[in-house]
Amino acid sequence: MELQLKRIYDDPRPEDGFRVLVDRLWPRGLSRQRAAVDLWAKDAAPSAELRRAWHAAPAEAWDAFAEEYRAELDGESRPAVSALREQLRSHPVATLLFAAHDPHRTHALVLRDALGL
């Protein structure tokens, strides 16, 4: 299975396969039709508290955020991650969609690694 990452604001393409939004909040200014999301896995996204802390932190805090998010994925979010993993296994290609501006510092990278696909 191929697992890709992509900003939700980029145009959907057939090569995206099964499109999964992995943000807790719906992306601002984006209609559901334009987003072309097959699944909204908000329970696998960072908790509201962690998301707020990350937005308030300087960019240098990325490693600390990623570590805290990994702890959530191994703890309270484990059932959501397991369910998402099972859904993704039935698709040859899937794309995790995120709204973050920086594709190198997004929780979707941490989630992709946690999925282990």
PDB file of N, CA and C in Angstrom:
ATOM      1  N   MET A   1       0.842  -1.181   0.000  1.00  0.00           N
ATOM      2  CA  MET A   1       0.000   0.000   0.000  1.00  0.00           C
ATOM      3  C   MET A   1       0.877   1.231   0.000  1.00  0.00           C
ATOM      4  N   GLU A   2       0.471   2.220  -0.750  1.00  0.00           N
ATOM      5  CA  GLU A   2       1.190   3.489  -0.834  1.00  0.00           C
ATOM      6  C   GLU A   2       0.451   4.530  -0.003  1.00  0.00           C
ATOM      7  N   LEU A   3       1.161   5.177   0.920  1.00  0.00           N
ATOM      8  CA  LEU A   3       0.569   6.187   1.798  1.00  0.00           C
ATOM      9  C   LEU A   3       1.260   7.516   1.544  1.00  0.00           C
ATOM     10  N   GLN A   4       0.483   8.482   1.058  1.00  0.00           N
ATOM     11  CA  GLN A   4       1.007   9.794   0.692  1.00  0.00           C
ATOM     12  C   GLN A   4       0.518  10.857   1.672  1.00  0.00           C
ATOM     13  N   LEU A   5       1.160  12.021   1.619  1.00  0.00           N
ATOM     14  CA  LEU A   5       0.749  13.187   2.398  1.00  0.00           C
ATOM     15  C   LEU A   5       0.495  14.336   1.431  1.00  0.00           C
ATOM     16  N   LYS A   6      -0.507  15.169   1.771  1.00  0.00           N
ATOM     17  CA  LYS A   6      -0.829  16.280   0.881  1.00  0.00           C
ATOM     18  C   LYS A   6      -1.624  17.332   1.642  1.00  0.00           C
ATOM     19  N   ARG A   7      -1.403  18.592   1.303  1.00  0.00           N
ATOM     20  CA  ARG A   7      -2.221  19.661   1.894  1.00  0.00           C
ATOM     21  C   ARG A   7      -3.641  19.556   1.348  1.00  0.00           C
ATOM     22  N   ILE A   8      -4.606  19.723   2.201  1.00  0.00           N
ATOM     23  CA  ILE A   8      -6.018  19.635   1.823  1.00  0.00           C
ATOM     24  C   ILE A   8      -6.388  20.723   0.818  1.00  0.00           C
ATOM     25  N   TYR A   9      -5.666  21.832   0.825  1.00  0.00           N
ATOM     26  CA  TYR A   9      -5.970  22.943  -0.077  1.00  0.00           C
ATOM     27  C   TYR A   9      -5.465  22.703  -1.497  1.00  0.00           C
ATOM     28  N   ASP A  10      -4.616  21.700  -1.692  1.00  0.00           N
ATOM     29  CA  ASP A  10      -4.183  21.337  -3.041  1.00  0.00           C
ATOM     30  C   ASP A  10      -5.328  20.601  -3.734  1.00  0.00           C
ATOM     31  N   ASP A  11      -5.405  20.767  -5.039  1.00  0.00           N
ATOM     32  CA  ASP A  11      -6.505  20.142  -5.783  1.00  0.00           C
ATOM     33  C   ASP A  11      -6.464  18.621  -5.672  1.00  0.00           C
ATOM     34  N   PRO A  12      -7.638  18.011  -5.513  1.00  0.00           N
ATOM     35  CA  PRO A  12      -7.707  16.540  -5.497  1.00  0.00           C
ATOM     36  C   PRO A  12      -7.315  15.991  -6.865  1.00  0.00           C
ATOM     37  N   ARG A  13      -6.652  14.845  -6.849  1.00  0.00           N
ATOM     38  CA  ARG A  13      -6.243  14.185  -8.089  1.00  0.00           C
ATOM     39  C   ARG A  13      -6.566  12.695  -7.971  1.00  0.00           C
ATOM     40  N   PRO A  14      -6.824  12.045  -9.079  1.00  0.00           N
ATOM     41  CA  PRO A  14      -7.109  10.600  -9.032  1.00  0.00           C
ATOM     42  C   PRO A  14      -5.979   9.805  -8.376  1.00  0.00           C
ATOM     43  N   GLU A  15      -4.737  10.283  -8.516  1.00  0.00           N
ATOM     44  CA  GLU A  15      -3.588   9.581  -7.943  1.00  0.00           C
ATOM     45  C   GLU A  15      -3.590   9.602  -6.416  1.00  0.00           C
ATOM     46  N   ASP A  16      -4.454  10.433  -5.808  1.00  0.00           N
ATOM     47  CA  ASP A  16      -4.538  10.496  -4.349  1.00  0.00           C
ATOM     48  C   ASP A  16      -5.129   9.223  -3.765  1.00  0.00           C
ATOM     49  N   GLY A  17      -5.900   8.505  -4.548  1.00  0.00           N
ATOM     50  CA  GLY A  17      -6.562   7.309  -4.026  1.00  0.00           C
ATOM     51  C   GLY A  17      -7.578   7.685  -2.955  1.00  0.00           C
ATOM     52  N   PHE A  18      -7.577   6.943  -1.870  1.00  0.00           N
ATOM     53  CA  PHE A  18      -8.489   7.142  -0.738  1.00  0.00           C
ATOM     54  C   PHE A  18      -7.998   8.349   0.057  1.00  0.00           C
ATOM     55  N   ARG A  19      -8.812   9.401   0.119  1.00  0.00           N
ATOM     56  CA  ARG A  19      -8.394  10.674   0.738  1.00  0.00           C
ATOM     57  C   ARG A  19      -8.924  10.769   2.164  1.00  0.00           C
ATOM     58  N   VAL A  20      -7.990  10.949   3.111  1.00  0.00           N
ATOM     59  CA  VAL A  20      -8.337  10.963   4.531  1.00  0.00           C
ATOM     60  C   VAL A  20      -7.877  12.281   5.160  1.00  0.00           C
ATOM     61  N   LEU A  21      -8.818  13.065   5.644  1.00  0.00           N
ATOM     62  CA  LEU A  21      -8.489  14.285   6.377  1.00  0.00           C
ATOM     63  C   LEU A  21      -8.109  13.888   7.797  1.00  0.00           C
ATOM     64  N   VAL A  22      -6.932  14.329   8.246  1.00  0.00           N
ATOM     65  CA  VAL A  22      -6.442  13.938   9.569  1.00  0.00           C
ATOM     66  C   VAL A  22      -6.296  15.146  10.497  1.00  0.00           C
ATOM     67  N   ASP A  23      -7.121  16.161  10.297  1.00  0.00           N
ATOM     68  CA  ASP A  23      -7.173  17.323  11.189  1.00  0.00           C
ATOM     69  C   ASP A  23      -8.415  17.226  12.056  1.00  0.00           C
ATOM     70  N   ARG A  24      -8.333  17.745  13.261  1.00  0.00           N
ATOM     71  CA  ARG A  24      -9.468  17.713  14.181  1.00  0.00           C
ATOM     72  C   ARG A  24     -10.542  18.714  13.763  1.00  0.00           C
ATOM     73  N   LEU A  25     -10.113  19.836  13.170  1.00  0.00           N
ATOM     74  CA  LEU A  25     -11.052  20.867  12.726  1.00  0.00           C
ATOM     75  C   LEU A  25     -11.144  20.849  11.203  1.00  0.00           C
ATOM     76  N   TRP A  26     -12.346  21.163  10.695  1.00  0.00           N
ATOM     77  CA  TRP A  26     -12.499  21.247   9.248  1.00  0.00           C
ATOM     78  C   TRP A  26     -11.702  22.452   8.747  1.00  0.00           C
ATOM     79  N   PRO A  27     -10.992  22.326   7.637  1.00  0.00           N
ATOM     80  CA  PRO A  27     -10.166  23.426   7.113  1.00  0.00           C
ATOM     81  C   PRO A  27     -10.995  24.658   6.757  1.00  0.00           C
ATOM     82  N   ARG A  28     -10.510  25.776   7.187  1.00  0.00           N
ATOM     83  CA  ARG A  28     -11.183  27.051   6.992  1.00  0.00           C
ATOM     84  C   ARG A  28     -11.338  27.374   5.497  1.00  0.00           C
ATOM     85  N   GLY A  29     -12.549  27.773   5.130  1.00  0.00           N
ATOM     86  CA  GLY A  29     -12.816  28.246   3.776  1.00  0.00           C
ATOM     87  C   GLY A  29     -12.876  27.180   2.709  1.00  0.00           C
ATOM     88  N   LEU A  30     -12.961  25.928   3.081  1.00  0.00           N
ATOM     89  CA  LEU A  30     -12.956  24.834   2.110  1.00  0.00           C
ATOM     90  C   LEU A  30     -14.286  24.082   2.174  1.00  0.00           C
ATOM     91  N   SER A  31     -14.955  23.991   1.037  1.00  0.00           N
ATOM     92  CA  SER A  31     -16.222  23.259   1.011  1.00  0.00           C
ATOM     93  C   SER A  31     -15.944  21.758   1.046  1.00  0.00           C
ATOM     94  N   ARG A  32     -16.903  21.022   1.511  1.00  0.00           N
ATOM     95  CA  ARG A  32     -16.754  19.561   1.547  1.00  0.00           C
ATOM     96  C   ARG A  32     -16.658  18.980   0.142  1.00  0.00           C
ATOM     97  N   GLN A  33     -17.359  19.592  -0.791  1.00  0.00           N
ATOM     98  CA  GLN A  33     -17.305  19.101  -2.168  1.00  0.00           C
ATOM     99  C   GLN A  33     -15.904  19.302  -2.756  1.00  0.00           C
ATOM    100  N   ARG A  34     -15.343  20.480  -2.576  1.00  0.00           N
ATOM    101  CA  ARG A  34     -14.009  20.751  -3.118  1.00  0.00           C
ATOM    102  C   ARG A  34     -12.937  19.903  -2.430  1.00  0.00           C
ATOM    103  N   ALA A  35     -13.124  19.605  -1.159  1.00  0.00           N
ATOM    104  CA  ALA A  35     -12.143  18.817  -0.412  1.00  0.00           C
ATOM    105  C   ALA A  35     -12.075  17.376  -0.888  1.00  0.00           C
ATOM    106  N   ALA A  36     -13.184  16.846  -1.363  1.00  0.00           N
ATOM    107  CA  ALA A  36     -13.241  15.468  -1.874  1.00  0.00           C
ATOM    108  C   ALA A  36     -12.642  14.474  -0.885  1.00  0.00           C
ATOM    109  N   VAL A  37     -13.079  14.555   0.357  1.00  0.00           N
ATOM    110  CA  VAL A  37     -12.575  13.686   1.422  1.00  0.00           C
ATOM    111  C   VAL A  37     -13.417  12.408   1.487  1.00  0.00           C
ATOM    112  N   ASP A  38     -12.742  11.273   1.534  1.00  0.00           N
ATOM    113  CA  ASP A  38     -13.430   9.988   1.677  1.00  0.00           C
ATOM    114  C   ASP A  38     -13.671   9.635   3.140  1.00  0.00           C
ATOM    115  N   LEU A  39     -12.793  10.122   4.015  1.00  0.00           N
ATOM    116  CA  LEU A  39     -12.891   9.823   5.438  1.00  0.00           C
ATOM    117  C   LEU A  39     -12.307  10.981   6.221  1.00  0.00           C
ATOM    118  N   TRP A  40     -12.981  11.360   7.293  1.00  0.00           N
ATOM    119  CA  TRP A  40     -12.459  12.381   8.195  1.00  0.00           C
ATOM    120  C   TRP A  40     -12.074  11.673   9.482  1.00  0.00           C
ATOM    121  N   ALA A  41     -10.775  11.492   9.699  1.00  0.00           N
ATOM    122  CA  ALA A  41     -10.266  10.759  10.856  1.00  0.00           C
ATOM    123  C   ALA A  41      -9.841  11.745  11.947  1.00  0.00           C
ATOM    124  N   LYS A  42     -10.779  12.536  12.431  1.00  0.00           N
ATOM    125  CA  LYS A  42     -10.438  13.573  13.409  1.00  0.00           C
ATOM    126  C   LYS A  42     -10.002  12.998  14.749  1.00  0.00           C
ATOM    127  N   ASP A  43     -10.415  11.801  15.079  1.00  0.00           N
ATOM    128  CA  ASP A  43     -10.009  11.211  16.362  1.00  0.00           C
ATOM    129  C   ASP A  43      -8.548  10.763  16.369  1.00  0.00           C
ATOM    130  N   ALA A  44      -7.934  10.701  15.191  1.00  0.00           N
ATOM    131  CA  ALA A  44      -6.507  10.358  15.105  1.00  0.00           C
ATOM    132  C   ALA A  44      -5.632  11.609  15.080  1.00  0.00           C
ATOM    133  N   ALA A  45      -6.259  12.775  15.048  1.00  0.00           N
ATOM    134  CA  ALA A  45      -5.530  14.048  15.046  1.00  0.00           C
ATOM    135  C   ALA A  45      -5.104  14.405  16.470  1.00  0.00           C
ATOM    136  N   PRO A  46      -4.186  15.356  16.598  1.00  0.00           N
ATOM    137  CA  PRO A  46      -3.794  15.790  17.955  1.00  0.00           C
ATOM    138  C   PRO A  46      -4.998  16.299  18.743  1.00  0.00           C
ATOM    139  N   SER A  47      -4.975  16.096  20.040  1.00  0.00           N
ATOM    140  CA  SER A  47      -6.052  16.592  20.898  1.00  0.00           C
ATOM    141  C   SER A  47      -6.153  18.108  20.770  1.00  0.00           C
ATOM    142  N   ALA A  48      -7.294  18.643  21.154  1.00  0.00           N
ATOM    143  CA  ALA A  48      -7.489  20.092  21.094  1.00  0.00           C
ATOM    144  C   ALA A  48      -6.440  20.823  21.923  1.00  0.00           C
ATOM    145  N   GLU A  49      -6.120  20.284  23.090  1.00  0.00           N
ATOM    146  CA  GLU A  49      -5.128  20.920  23.954  1.00  0.00           C
ATOM    147  C   GLU A  49      -3.747  20.936  23.306  1.00  0.00           C
ATOM    148  N   LEU A  50      -3.352  19.811  22.736  1.00  0.00           N
ATOM    149  CA  LEU A  50      -2.049  19.727  22.098  1.00  0.00           C
ATOM    150  C   LEU A  50      -2.001  20.617  20.854  1.00  0.00           C
ATOM    151  N   ARG A  51      -3.078  20.646  20.090  1.00  0.00           N
ATOM    152  CA  ARG A  51      -3.140  21.491  18.903  1.00  0.00           C
ATOM    153  C   ARG A  51      -3.003  22.965  19.276  1.00  0.00           C
ATOM    154  N   ARG A  52      -3.697  23.408  20.313  1.00  0.00           N
ATOM    155  CA  ARG A  52      -3.596  24.805  20.757  1.00  0.00           C
ATOM    156  C   ARG A  52      -2.174  25.123  21.236  1.00  0.00           C
ATOM    157  N   ALA A  53      -1.577  24.213  21.971  1.00  0.00           N
ATOM    158  CA  ALA A  53      -0.209  24.426  22.458  1.00  0.00           C
ATOM    159  C   ALA A  53       0.771  24.534  21.290  1.00  0.00           C
ATOM    160  N   TRP A  54       0.598  23.698  20.282  1.00  0.00           N
ATOM    161  CA  TRP A  54       1.493  23.729  19.122  1.00  0.00           C
ATOM    162  C   TRP A  54       1.364  25.058  18.380  1.00  0.00           C
ATOM    163  N   HIS A  55       0.136  25.541  18.208  1.00  0.00           N
ATOM    164  CA  HIS A  55      -0.066  26.810  17.497  1.00  0.00           C
ATOM    165  C   HIS A  55       0.503  27.994  18.275  1.00  0.00           C
ATOM    166  N   ALA A  56       0.584  27.893  19.571  1.00  0.00           N
ATOM    167  CA  ALA A  56       1.119  28.976  20.401  1.00  0.00           C
ATOM    168  C   ALA A  56       2.638  28.890  20.562  1.00  0.00           C
ATOM    169  N   ALA A  57       3.224  27.767  20.187  1.00  0.00           N
ATOM    170  CA  ALA A  57       4.660  27.540  20.403  1.00  0.00           C
ATOM    171  C   ALA A  57       5.493  28.057  19.232  1.00  0.00           C
ATOM    172  N   PRO A  58       6.749  28.353  19.481  1.00  0.00           N
ATOM    173  CA  PRO A  58       7.638  28.726  18.369  1.00  0.00           C
ATOM    174  C   PRO A  58       7.944  27.502  17.512  1.00  0.00           C
ATOM    175  N   ALA A  59       8.367  27.732  16.287  1.00  0.00           N
ATOM    176  CA  ALA A  59       8.648  26.631  15.351  1.00  0.00           C
ATOM    177  C   ALA A  59       9.695  25.665  15.903  1.00  0.00           C
ATOM    178  N   GLU A  60      10.579  26.151  16.752  1.00  0.00           N
ATOM    179  CA  GLU A  60      11.629  25.300  17.312  1.00  0.00           C
ATOM    180  C   GLU A  60      11.071  24.227  18.240  1.00  0.00           C
ATOM    181  N   ALA A  61       9.818  24.337  18.614  1.00  0.00           N
ATOM    182  CA  ALA A  61       9.206  23.383  19.538  1.00  0.00           C
ATOM    183  C   ALA A  61       8.681  22.137  18.824  1.00  0.00           C
ATOM    184  N   TRP A  62       9.007  21.980  17.546  1.00  0.00           N
ATOM    185  CA  TRP A  62       8.485  20.859  16.768  1.00  0.00           C
ATOM    186  C   TRP A  62       8.779  19.508  17.414  1.00  0.00           C
ATOM    187  N   ASP A  63      10.005  19.283  17.846  1.00  0.00           N
ATOM    188  CA  ASP A  63      10.367  17.983  18.415  1.00  0.00           C
ATOM    189  C   ASP A  63       9.546  17.659  19.660  1.00  0.00           C
ATOM    190  N   ALA A  64       9.310  18.650  20.493  1.00  0.00           N
ATOM    191  CA  ALA A  64       8.513  18.438  21.706  1.00  0.00           C
ATOM    192  C   ALA A  64       7.064  18.132  21.335  1.00  0.00           C
ATOM    193  N   PHE A  65       6.522  18.852  20.362  1.00  0.00           N
ATOM    194  CA  PHE A  65       5.160  18.579  19.906  1.00  0.00           C
ATOM    195  C   PHE A  65       5.049  17.161  19.364  1.00  0.00           C
ATOM    196  N   ALA A  66       5.989  16.779  18.495  1.00  0.00           N
ATOM    197  CA  ALA A  66       5.950  15.444  17.888  1.00  0.00           C
ATOM    198  C   ALA A  66       6.010  14.353  18.952  1.00  0.00           C
ATOM    199  N   GLU A  67       6.827  14.564  19.968  1.00  0.00           N
ATOM    200  CA  GLU A  67       6.934  13.584  21.050  1.00  0.00           C
ATOM    201  C   GLU A  67       5.611  13.474  21.824  1.00  0.00           C
ATOM    202  N   GLU A  68       4.998  14.600  22.119  1.00  0.00           N
ATOM    203  CA  GLU A  68       3.713  14.578  22.841  1.00  0.00           C
ATOM    204  C   GLU A  68       2.616  13.940  21.987  1.00  0.00           C
ATOM    205  N   TYR A  69       2.637  14.214  20.695  1.00  0.00           N
ATOM    206  CA  TYR A  69       1.640  13.616  19.806  1.00  0.00           C
ATOM    207  C   TYR A  69       1.842  12.106  19.708  1.00  0.00           C
ATOM    208  N   ARG A  70       3.083  11.655  19.635  1.00  0.00           N
ATOM    209  CA  ARG A  70       3.350  10.204  19.629  1.00  0.00           C
ATOM    210  C   ARG A  70       2.792   9.548  20.889  1.00  0.00           C
ATOM    211  N   ALA A  71       2.929  10.239  22.014  1.00  0.00           N
ATOM    212  CA  ALA A  71       2.385   9.709  23.267  1.00  0.00           C
ATOM    213  C   ALA A  71       0.862   9.602  23.188  1.00  0.00           C
ATOM    214  N   GLU A  72       0.206  10.594  22.598  1.00  0.00           N
ATOM    215  CA  GLU A  72      -1.249  10.508  22.421  1.00  0.00           C
ATOM    216  C   GLU A  72      -1.618   9.337  21.510  1.00  0.00           C
ATOM    217  N   LEU A  73      -0.862   9.167  20.429  1.00  0.00           N
ATOM    218  CA  LEU A  73      -1.153   8.089  19.483  1.00  0.00           C
ATOM    219  C   LEU A  73      -0.967   6.720  20.119  1.00  0.00           C
ATOM    220  N   ASP A  74      -0.035   6.617  21.055  1.00  0.00           N
ATOM    221  CA  ASP A  74       0.194   5.353  21.764  1.00  0.00           C
ATOM    222  C   ASP A  74      -0.761   5.175  22.936  1.00  0.00           C
ATOM    223  N   GLY A  75      -1.443   6.233  23.329  1.00  0.00           N
ATOM    224  CA  GLY A  75      -2.336   6.192  24.478  1.00  0.00           C
ATOM    225  C   GLY A  75      -3.794   6.345  24.091  1.00  0.00           C
ATOM    226  N   GLU A  76      -4.345   7.507  24.398  1.00  0.00           N
ATOM    227  CA  GLU A  76      -5.785   7.737  24.217  1.00  0.00           C
ATOM    228  C   GLU A  76      -6.260   7.626  22.771  1.00  0.00           C
ATOM    229  N   SER A  77      -5.378   7.871  21.805  1.00  0.00           N
ATOM    230  CA  SER A  77      -5.779   7.811  20.391  1.00  0.00           C
ATOM    231  C   SER A  77      -5.507   6.451  19.749  1.00  0.00           C
ATOM    232  N   ARG A  78      -5.005   5.514  20.519  1.00  0.00           N
ATOM    233  CA  ARG A  78      -4.657   4.204  19.952  1.00  0.00           C
ATOM    234  C   ARG A  78      -5.831   3.521  19.232  1.00  0.00           C
ATOM    235  N   PRO A  79      -7.053   3.517  19.790  1.00  0.00           N
ATOM    236  CA  PRO A  79      -8.159   2.887  19.059  1.00  0.00           C
ATOM    237  C   PRO A  79      -8.445   3.566  17.717  1.00  0.00           C
ATOM    238  N   ALA A  80      -8.349   4.887  17.671  1.00  0.00           N
ATOM    239  CA  ALA A  80      -8.584   5.611  16.419  1.00  0.00           C
ATOM    240  C   ALA A  80      -7.504   5.286  15.390  1.00  0.00           C
ATOM    241  N   VAL A  81      -6.266   5.182  15.836  1.00  0.00           N
ATOM    242  CA  VAL A  81      -5.159   4.850  14.932  1.00  0.00           C
ATOM    243  C   VAL A  81      -5.331   3.427  14.403  1.00  0.00           C
ATOM    244  N   SER A  82      -5.717   2.512  15.252  1.00  0.00           N
ATOM    245  CA  SER A  82      -5.938   1.122  14.816  1.00  0.00           C
ATOM    246  C   SER A  82      -7.058   1.036  13.796  1.00  0.00           C
ATOM    247  N   ALA A  83      -8.141   1.753  14.051  1.00  0.00           N
ATOM    248  CA  ALA A  83      -9.277   1.753  13.118  1.00  0.00           C
ATOM    249  C   ALA A  83      -8.869   2.356  11.777  1.00  0.00           C
ATOM    250  N   LEU A  84      -8.112   3.439  11.816  1.00  0.00           N
ATOM    251  CA  LEU A  84      -7.654   4.065  10.579  1.00  0.00           C
ATOM    252  C   LEU A  84      -6.729   3.127   9.813  1.00  0.00           C
ATOM    253  N   ARG A  85      -5.828   2.486  10.507  1.00  0.00           N
ATOM    254  CA  ARG A  85      -4.905   1.536   9.873  1.00  0.00           C
ATOM    255  C   ARG A  85      -5.679   0.447   9.135  1.00  0.00           C
ATOM    256  N   GLU A  86      -6.703  -0.084   9.782  1.00  0.00           N
ATOM    257  CA  GLU A  86      -7.504  -1.141   9.154  1.00  0.00           C
ATOM    258  C   GLU A  86      -8.228  -0.630   7.914  1.00  0.00           C
ATOM    259  N   GLN A  87      -8.759   0.580   7.972  1.00  0.00           N
ATOM    260  CA  GLN A  87      -9.450   1.137   6.806  1.00  0.00           C
ATOM    261  C   GLN A  87      -8.478   1.382   5.659  1.00  0.00           C
ATOM    262  N   LEU A  88      -7.291   1.840   5.960  1.00  0.00           N
ATOM    263  CA  LEU A  88      -6.320   2.140   4.919  1.00  0.00           C
ATOM    264  C   LEU A  88      -5.809   0.878   4.227  1.00  0.00           C
ATOM    265  N   ARG A  89      -5.742  -0.213   4.938  1.00  0.00           N
ATOM    266  CA  ARG A  89      -5.205  -1.457   4.368  1.00  0.00           C
ATOM    267  C   ARG A  89      -6.010  -1.955   3.175  1.00  0.00           C
ATOM    268  N   SER A  90      -7.251  -1.573   3.072  1.00  0.00           N
ATOM    269  CA  SER A  90      -8.083  -2.052   1.959  1.00  0.00           C
ATOM    270  C   SER A  90      -7.951  -1.186   0.708  1.00  0.00           C
ATOM    271  N   HIS A  91      -7.051  -0.208   0.737  1.00  0.00           N
ATOM    272  CA  HIS A  91      -6.865   0.690  -0.405  1.00  0.00           C
ATOM    273  C   HIS A  91      -5.407   0.636  -0.869  1.00  0.00           C
ATOM    274  N   PRO A  92      -5.192   0.450  -2.168  1.00  0.00           N
ATOM    275  CA  PRO A  92      -3.812   0.381  -2.658  1.00  0.00           C
ATOM    276  C   PRO A  92      -3.061   1.711  -2.519  1.00  0.00           C
ATOM    277  N   VAL A  93      -3.787   2.825  -2.610  1.00  0.00           N
ATOM    278  CA  VAL A  93      -3.195   4.151  -2.468  1.00  0.00           C
ATOM    279  C   VAL A  93      -4.098   4.981  -1.566  1.00  0.00           C
ATOM    280  N   ALA A  94      -3.496   5.660  -0.605  1.00  0.00           N
ATOM    281  CA  ALA A  94      -4.243   6.553   0.278  1.00  0.00           C
ATOM    282  C   ALA A  94      -3.414   7.811   0.512  1.00  0.00           C
ATOM    283  N   THR A  95      -4.111   8.901   0.766  1.00  0.00           N
ATOM    284  CA  THR A  95      -3.447  10.172   1.026  1.00  0.00           C
ATOM    285  C   THR A  95      -3.976  10.758   2.317  1.00  0.00           C
ATOM    286  N   LEU A  96      -3.060  11.059   3.236  1.00  0.00           N
ATOM    287  CA  LEU A  96      -3.414  11.755   4.470  1.00  0.00           C
ATOM    288  C   LEU A  96      -3.394  13.248   4.164  1.00  0.00           C
ATOM    289  N   LEU A  97      -4.502  13.906   4.422  1.00  0.00           N
ATOM    290  CA  LEU A  97      -4.668  15.321   4.116  1.00  0.00           C
ATOM    291  C   LEU A  97      -4.589  16.155   5.375  1.00  0.00           C
ATOM    292  N   PHE A  98      -3.884  17.278   5.293  1.00  0.00           N
ATOM    293  CA  PHE A  98      -3.701  18.161   6.442  1.00  0.00           C
ATOM    294  C   PHE A  98      -3.772  19.603   5.966  1.00  0.00           C
ATOM    295  N   ALA A  99      -4.053  20.533   6.878  1.00  0.00           N
ATOM    296  CA  ALA A  99      -4.182  21.943   6.522  1.00  0.00           C
ATOM    297  C   ALA A  99      -2.936  22.759   6.826  1.00  0.00           C
ATOM    298  N   ALA A 100      -2.007  22.234   7.554  1.00  0.00           N
ATOM    299  CA  ALA A 100      -0.807  22.987   7.964  1.00  0.00           C
ATOM    300  C   ALA A 100      -0.078  23.572   6.763  1.00  0.00           C
ATOM    301  N   HIS A 101       0.517  24.736   6.966  1.00  0.00           N
ATOM    302  CA  HIS A 101       1.259  25.404   5.899  1.00  0.00           C
ATOM    303  C   HIS A 101       2.604  24.741   5.635  1.00  0.00           C
ATOM    304  N   ASP A 102       3.238  24.252   6.671  1.00  0.00           N
ATOM    305  CA  ASP A 102       4.577  23.682   6.552  1.00  0.00           C
ATOM    306  C   ASP A 102       4.487  22.157   6.421  1.00  0.00           C
ATOM    307  N   PRO A 103       4.745  21.623   5.233  1.00  0.00           N
ATOM    308  CA  PRO A 103       4.633  20.169   5.049  1.00  0.00           C
ATOM    309  C   PRO A 103       5.732  19.381   5.747  1.00  0.00           C
ATOM    310  N   HIS A 104       6.737  20.085   6.289  1.00  0.00           N
ATOM    311  CA  HIS A 104       7.828  19.407   6.989  1.00  0.00           C
ATOM    312  C   HIS A 104       7.617  19.375   8.496  1.00  0.00           C
ATOM    313  N   ARG A 105       6.626  20.130   8.955  1.00  0.00           N
ATOM    314  CA  ARG A 105       6.287  20.166  10.380  1.00  0.00           C
ATOM    315  C   ARG A 105       4.774  20.083  10.529  1.00  0.00           C
ATOM    316  N   THR A 106       4.283  18.917  10.233  1.00  0.00           N
ATOM    317  CA  THR A 106       2.849  18.664  10.355  1.00  0.00           C
ATOM    318  C   THR A 106       2.632  17.361  11.107  1.00  0.00           C
ATOM    319  N   HIS A 107       1.584  17.319  11.865  1.00  0.00           N
ATOM    320  CA  HIS A 107       1.270  16.107  12.624  1.00  0.00           C
ATOM    321  C   HIS A 107       1.040  14.911  11.711  1.00  0.00           C
ATOM    322  N   ALA A 108       0.693  15.157  10.448  1.00  0.00           N
ATOM    323  CA  ALA A 108       0.452  14.055   9.505  1.00  0.00           C
ATOM    324  C   ALA A 108       1.703  13.206   9.313  1.00  0.00           C
ATOM    325  N   LEU A 109       2.872  13.801   9.416  1.00  0.00           N
ATOM    326  CA  LEU A 109       4.124  13.033   9.325  1.00  0.00           C
ATOM    327  C   LEU A 109       4.242  12.054  10.493  1.00  0.00           C
ATOM    328  N   VAL A 110       3.916  12.533  11.669  1.00  0.00           N
ATOM    329  CA  VAL A 110       3.994  11.698  12.873  1.00  0.00           C
ATOM    330  C   VAL A 110       2.951  10.571  12.785  1.00  0.00           C
ATOM    331  N   LEU A 111       1.750  10.917  12.331  1.00  0.00           N
ATOM    332  CA  LEU A 111       0.682   9.929  12.208  1.00  0.00           C
ATOM    333  C   LEU A 111       1.051   8.871  11.177  1.00  0.00           C
ATOM    334  N   ARG A 112       1.594   9.293  10.041  1.00  0.00           N
ATOM    335  CA  ARG A 112       2.006   8.332   9.017  1.00  0.00           C
ATOM    336  C   ARG A 112       2.981   7.315   9.594  1.00  0.00           C
ATOM    337  N   ASP A 113       3.955   7.791  10.362  1.00  0.00           N
ATOM    338  CA  ASP A 113       4.918   6.885  10.975  1.00  0.00           C
ATOM    339  C   ASP A 113       4.246   5.948  11.971  1.00  0.00           C
ATOM    340  N   ALA A 114       3.294   6.480  12.742  1.00  0.00           N
ATOM    341  CA  ALA A 114       2.591   5.663  13.737  1.00  0.00           C
ATOM    342  C   ALA A 114       1.738   4.582  13.074  1.00  0.00           C
ATOM    343  N   LEU A 115       1.234   4.870  11.894  1.00  0.00           N
ATOM    344  CA  LEU A 115       0.400   3.885  11.187  1.00  0.00           C
ATOM    345  C   LEU A 115       1.237   2.690  10.742  1.00  0.00           C
ATOM    346  N   GLY A 116       2.494   2.918  10.454  1.00  0.00           N
ATOM    347  CA  GLY A 116       3.392   1.821  10.098  1.00  0.00           C
ATOM    348  C   GLY A 116       3.014   1.092   8.832  1.00  0.00           C
ATOM    349  N   LEU A 117       2.468   1.796   7.878  1.00  0.00           N
ATOM    350  CA  LEU A 117       2.066   1.147   6.605  1.00  0.00           C
ATOM    351  C   LEU A 117       3.054   1.438   5.500  1.00  0.00           C
TER     352      LEU A 117
END
